[in-house]
């Protein structure tokens, strides 16, 4: 099931030219083309968490829990999208994946993001300490050392979702609730 995550033949990864399906560039292997699963395994072995840059209605057609579960198991810690399919956004939170949304009128292209950046997301600690900020600050550092900084809307929309995220997902939340009574 994990290998099938992001393997839809209509998926277009903009890190590759004219390639459809479950492929990406693996920067742990000098940017060579790789299956998303193999690249994710290499990033996990290197201790590198992943961020997905997405377009509109991210998760449409994939609202089942395995779409979010596979995303988490591939090592994705955050998704930054233009908009979300409602159920999938909620499922991402339930799996402990941070859903962020570009500000109105912004997207990866307008910000100059191409997916080769290293991301630092500030403000998550406030979320973990019990507050739910409306936006988080994102710093995307390019390979040449230059940086693009922007604020992204935090799409944790309810106090319950915030609790699930704080516990790293709904399963951990339920288990801790049972143990702590």
Protein backbone atom coordinates (compact mmCIF):
# COMPACT_ATOMS: atom_id res chain seq x y z
CA UNK A 1 0.00 0.00 0.00
CA UNK A 2 2.83 2.42 0.77
CA UNK A 3 4.35 1.83 -2.67
CA UNK A 4 1.02 2.80 -4.22
CA UNK A 5 0.94 6.19 -2.49
CA UNK A 6 1.52 8.93 -5.10
CA UNK A 7 1.62 6.25 -7.83
CA UNK A 8 -1.42 7.43 -9.79
CA UNK A 9 -0.52 7.41 -13.49
CA UNK A 10 -2.01 10.91 -13.90
CA UNK A 11 0.23 12.36 -11.19
CA UNK A 12 2.75 14.88 -12.51
CA UNK A 13 5.74 15.55 -10.30
CA UNK A 14 7.10 18.91 -11.44
CA UNK A 15 10.62 17.89 -10.45
CA UNK A 16 10.64 15.75 -13.61
CA UNK A 17 9.95 16.70 -17.22
CA UNK A 18 7.26 14.76 -19.11
CA UNK A 19 7.11 11.92 -16.56
CA UNK A 20 3.81 10.76 -15.12
CA UNK A 21 3.12 8.39 -12.26
CA UNK A 22 4.93 7.64 -9.04
CA UNK A 23 8.36 9.05 -9.82
CA UNK A 24 10.47 11.89 -8.44
CA UNK A 25 14.06 13.07 -8.19
CA UNK A 26 16.11 11.61 -5.35
CA UNK A 27 18.54 14.23 -4.06
CA UNK A 28 20.22 11.65 -1.84
CA UNK A 29 21.29 10.04 -5.15
CA UNK A 30 22.49 13.17 -7.00
CA UNK A 31 18.99 14.06 -8.19
CA UNK A 32 18.50 10.88 -10.19
CA UNK A 33 14.97 9.82 -11.19
CA UNK A 34 13.56 7.26 -8.78
CA UNK A 35 10.25 5.81 -7.68
CA UNK A 36 8.71 7.92 -4.94
CA UNK A 37 8.82 4.92 -2.62
CA UNK A 38 12.56 4.29 -3.14
CA UNK A 39 13.40 7.98 -2.80
CA UNK A 40 11.34 8.19 0.40
CA UNK A 41 13.21 5.19 1.82
CA UNK A 42 16.53 6.90 1.07
CA UNK A 43 15.37 10.13 2.73
CA UNK A 44 14.18 8.17 5.78
CA UNK A 45 17.55 6.41 6.04
CA UNK A 46 19.23 9.84 5.89
CA UNK A 47 16.85 11.23 8.57
CA UNK A 48 15.29 13.78 6.20
CA UNK A 49 11.57 14.55 6.75
CA UNK A 50 9.61 15.42 3.61
CA UNK A 51 7.30 18.26 2.53
CA UNK A 52 4.83 17.99 -0.36
CA UNK A 53 4.16 21.11 -2.44
CA UNK A 54 0.71 20.76 -3.99
CA UNK A 55 -1.82 22.56 -6.11
CA UNK A 56 -5.57 22.98 -5.82
CA UNK A 57 -7.89 20.45 -4.16
CA UNK A 58 -4.99 18.37 -2.87
CA UNK A 59 -6.23 14.88 -2.03
CA UNK A 60 -9.23 14.87 -4.36
CA UNK A 61 -10.13 11.31 -5.23
CA UNK A 62 -8.02 10.00 -2.35
CA UNK A 63 -10.02 10.77 0.78
CA UNK A 64 -9.70 7.25 2.14
CA UNK A 65 -7.49 6.97 5.17
CA UNK A 66 -4.77 5.02 3.33
CA UNK A 67 -3.94 8.03 1.17
CA UNK A 68 -2.99 9.96 4.31
CA UNK A 69 -1.51 6.90 6.03
CA UNK A 70 0.74 6.19 3.04
CA UNK A 71 1.79 9.84 2.96
CA UNK A 72 2.84 9.65 6.62
CA UNK A 73 4.60 6.30 6.20
CA UNK A 74 6.62 7.75 3.31
CA UNK A 75 8.03 10.31 5.77
CA UNK A 76 5.97 13.36 4.80
CA UNK A 77 5.67 15.72 7.77
CA UNK A 78 3.86 18.61 6.05
CA UNK A 79 1.86 19.39 2.92
CA UNK A 80 1.67 22.94 1.56
CA UNK A 81 -1.22 23.18 -0.91
CA UNK A 82 -3.35 25.81 -2.63
CA UNK A 83 -6.46 24.08 -1.26
CA UNK A 84 -7.51 20.70 0.14
CA UNK A 85 -10.18 18.12 -0.39
CA UNK A 86 -12.06 18.34 2.93
CA UNK A 87 -11.85 14.72 4.11
CA UNK A 88 -8.25 14.23 3.03
CA UNK A 89 -7.13 17.33 4.96
CA UNK A 90 -8.75 15.91 8.07
CA UNK A 91 -7.18 12.48 7.44
CA UNK A 92 -3.73 14.06 7.13
CA UNK A 93 -4.13 15.57 10.60
CA UNK A 94 -5.30 12.21 11.89
CA UNK A 95 -2.00 10.76 10.68
CA UNK A 96 0.08 13.58 12.18
CA UNK A 97 0.83 15.37 8.89
CA UNK A 98 0.75 19.18 9.08
CA UNK A 99 -1.64 20.73 6.49
CA UNK A 100 -0.55 24.21 5.40
CA UNK A 101 -2.16 26.34 2.71
CA UNK A 102 -0.59 29.08 0.62
CA UNK A 103 -2.03 32.54 1.24
CA UNK A 104 -4.71 33.65 -1.25
CA UNK A 105 -3.17 34.24 -4.66
CA UNK A 106 0.02 32.34 -3.86
CA UNK A 107 1.27 28.97 -5.03
CA UNK A 108 4.62 27.26 -5.47
CA UNK A 109 5.18 28.90 -8.86
CA UNK A 110 4.31 32.44 -7.75
CA UNK A 111 6.69 32.09 -4.79
CA UNK A 112 9.47 30.65 -6.96
CA UNK A 113 9.47 27.23 -5.29
CA UNK A 114 10.57 24.30 -7.41
CA UNK A 115 10.73 21.45 -4.87
CA UNK A 116 14.51 21.37 -4.50
CA UNK A 117 14.39 23.53 -1.36
CA UNK A 118 14.96 22.60 2.25
CA UNK A 119 12.05 23.74 4.42
CA UNK A 120 11.99 25.17 7.93
CA UNK A 121 8.49 25.67 9.35
CA UNK A 122 8.37 27.98 12.39
CA UNK A 123 5.55 28.08 14.91
CA UNK A 124 4.89 24.36 15.26
CA UNK A 125 6.14 24.48 18.86
CA UNK A 126 3.38 26.96 19.74
CA UNK A 127 0.90 24.46 18.33
CA UNK A 128 2.43 21.71 20.42
CA UNK A 129 2.24 23.93 23.52
CA UNK A 130 -1.52 24.30 23.26
CA UNK A 131 -2.15 27.34 21.05
CA UNK A 132 -3.32 27.11 17.47
CA UNK A 133 -1.85 29.93 15.39
CA UNK A 134 -3.63 30.95 12.19
CA UNK A 135 -0.41 30.98 10.17
CA UNK A 136 3.03 29.45 10.35
CA UNK A 137 6.20 30.92 8.88
CA UNK A 138 7.94 28.91 6.16
CA UNK A 139 11.54 29.42 5.09
CA UNK A 140 12.50 27.56 1.92
CA UNK A 141 16.25 27.48 1.34
CA UNK A 142 17.37 26.85 -2.22
CA UNK A 143 20.39 24.78 -3.21
CA UNK A 144 22.41 28.00 -3.78
CA UNK A 145 21.71 29.15 -0.19
CA UNK A 146 19.17 31.84 -1.07
CA UNK A 147 15.87 31.70 0.78
CA UNK A 148 12.21 32.32 0.09
CA UNK A 149 10.12 33.17 3.14
CA UNK A 150 6.34 33.25 3.38
CA UNK A 151 3.49 32.69 5.81
CA UNK A 152 1.13 29.77 5.21
CA UNK A 153 -2.31 29.29 6.69
CA UNK A 154 -2.48 26.46 9.21
CA UNK A 155 -5.40 24.24 8.17
CA UNK A 156 -6.08 22.71 11.55
CA UNK A 157 -9.65 23.93 11.76
CA UNK A 158 -11.03 22.57 15.05
CA UNK A 159 -9.78 22.10 18.63
CA UNK A 160 -10.17 18.32 18.18
CA UNK A 161 -7.91 18.34 15.13
CA UNK A 162 -5.36 20.35 17.09
CA UNK A 163 -5.40 17.69 19.81
CA UNK A 164 -4.89 14.93 17.23
CA UNK A 165 -1.94 16.78 15.71
CA UNK A 166 -0.39 17.53 19.13
CA UNK A 167 -0.41 13.80 19.84
CA UNK A 168 1.11 12.95 16.41
CA UNK A 169 -2.15 11.53 15.09
CA UNK A 170 -5.50 10.15 16.17
CA UNK A 171 -4.22 6.67 17.09
CA UNK A 172 -1.64 8.07 19.50
CA UNK A 173 -4.28 10.46 20.90
CA UNK A 174 -6.66 7.58 21.64
CA UNK A 175 -3.91 5.40 23.12
CA UNK A 176 -2.69 8.19 25.40
CA UNK A 177 -6.28 8.92 26.45
CA UNK A 178 -6.75 5.25 27.41
CA UNK A 179 -3.44 5.04 29.29
CA UNK A 180 -3.85 8.37 31.09
CA UNK A 181 -7.55 7.73 31.75
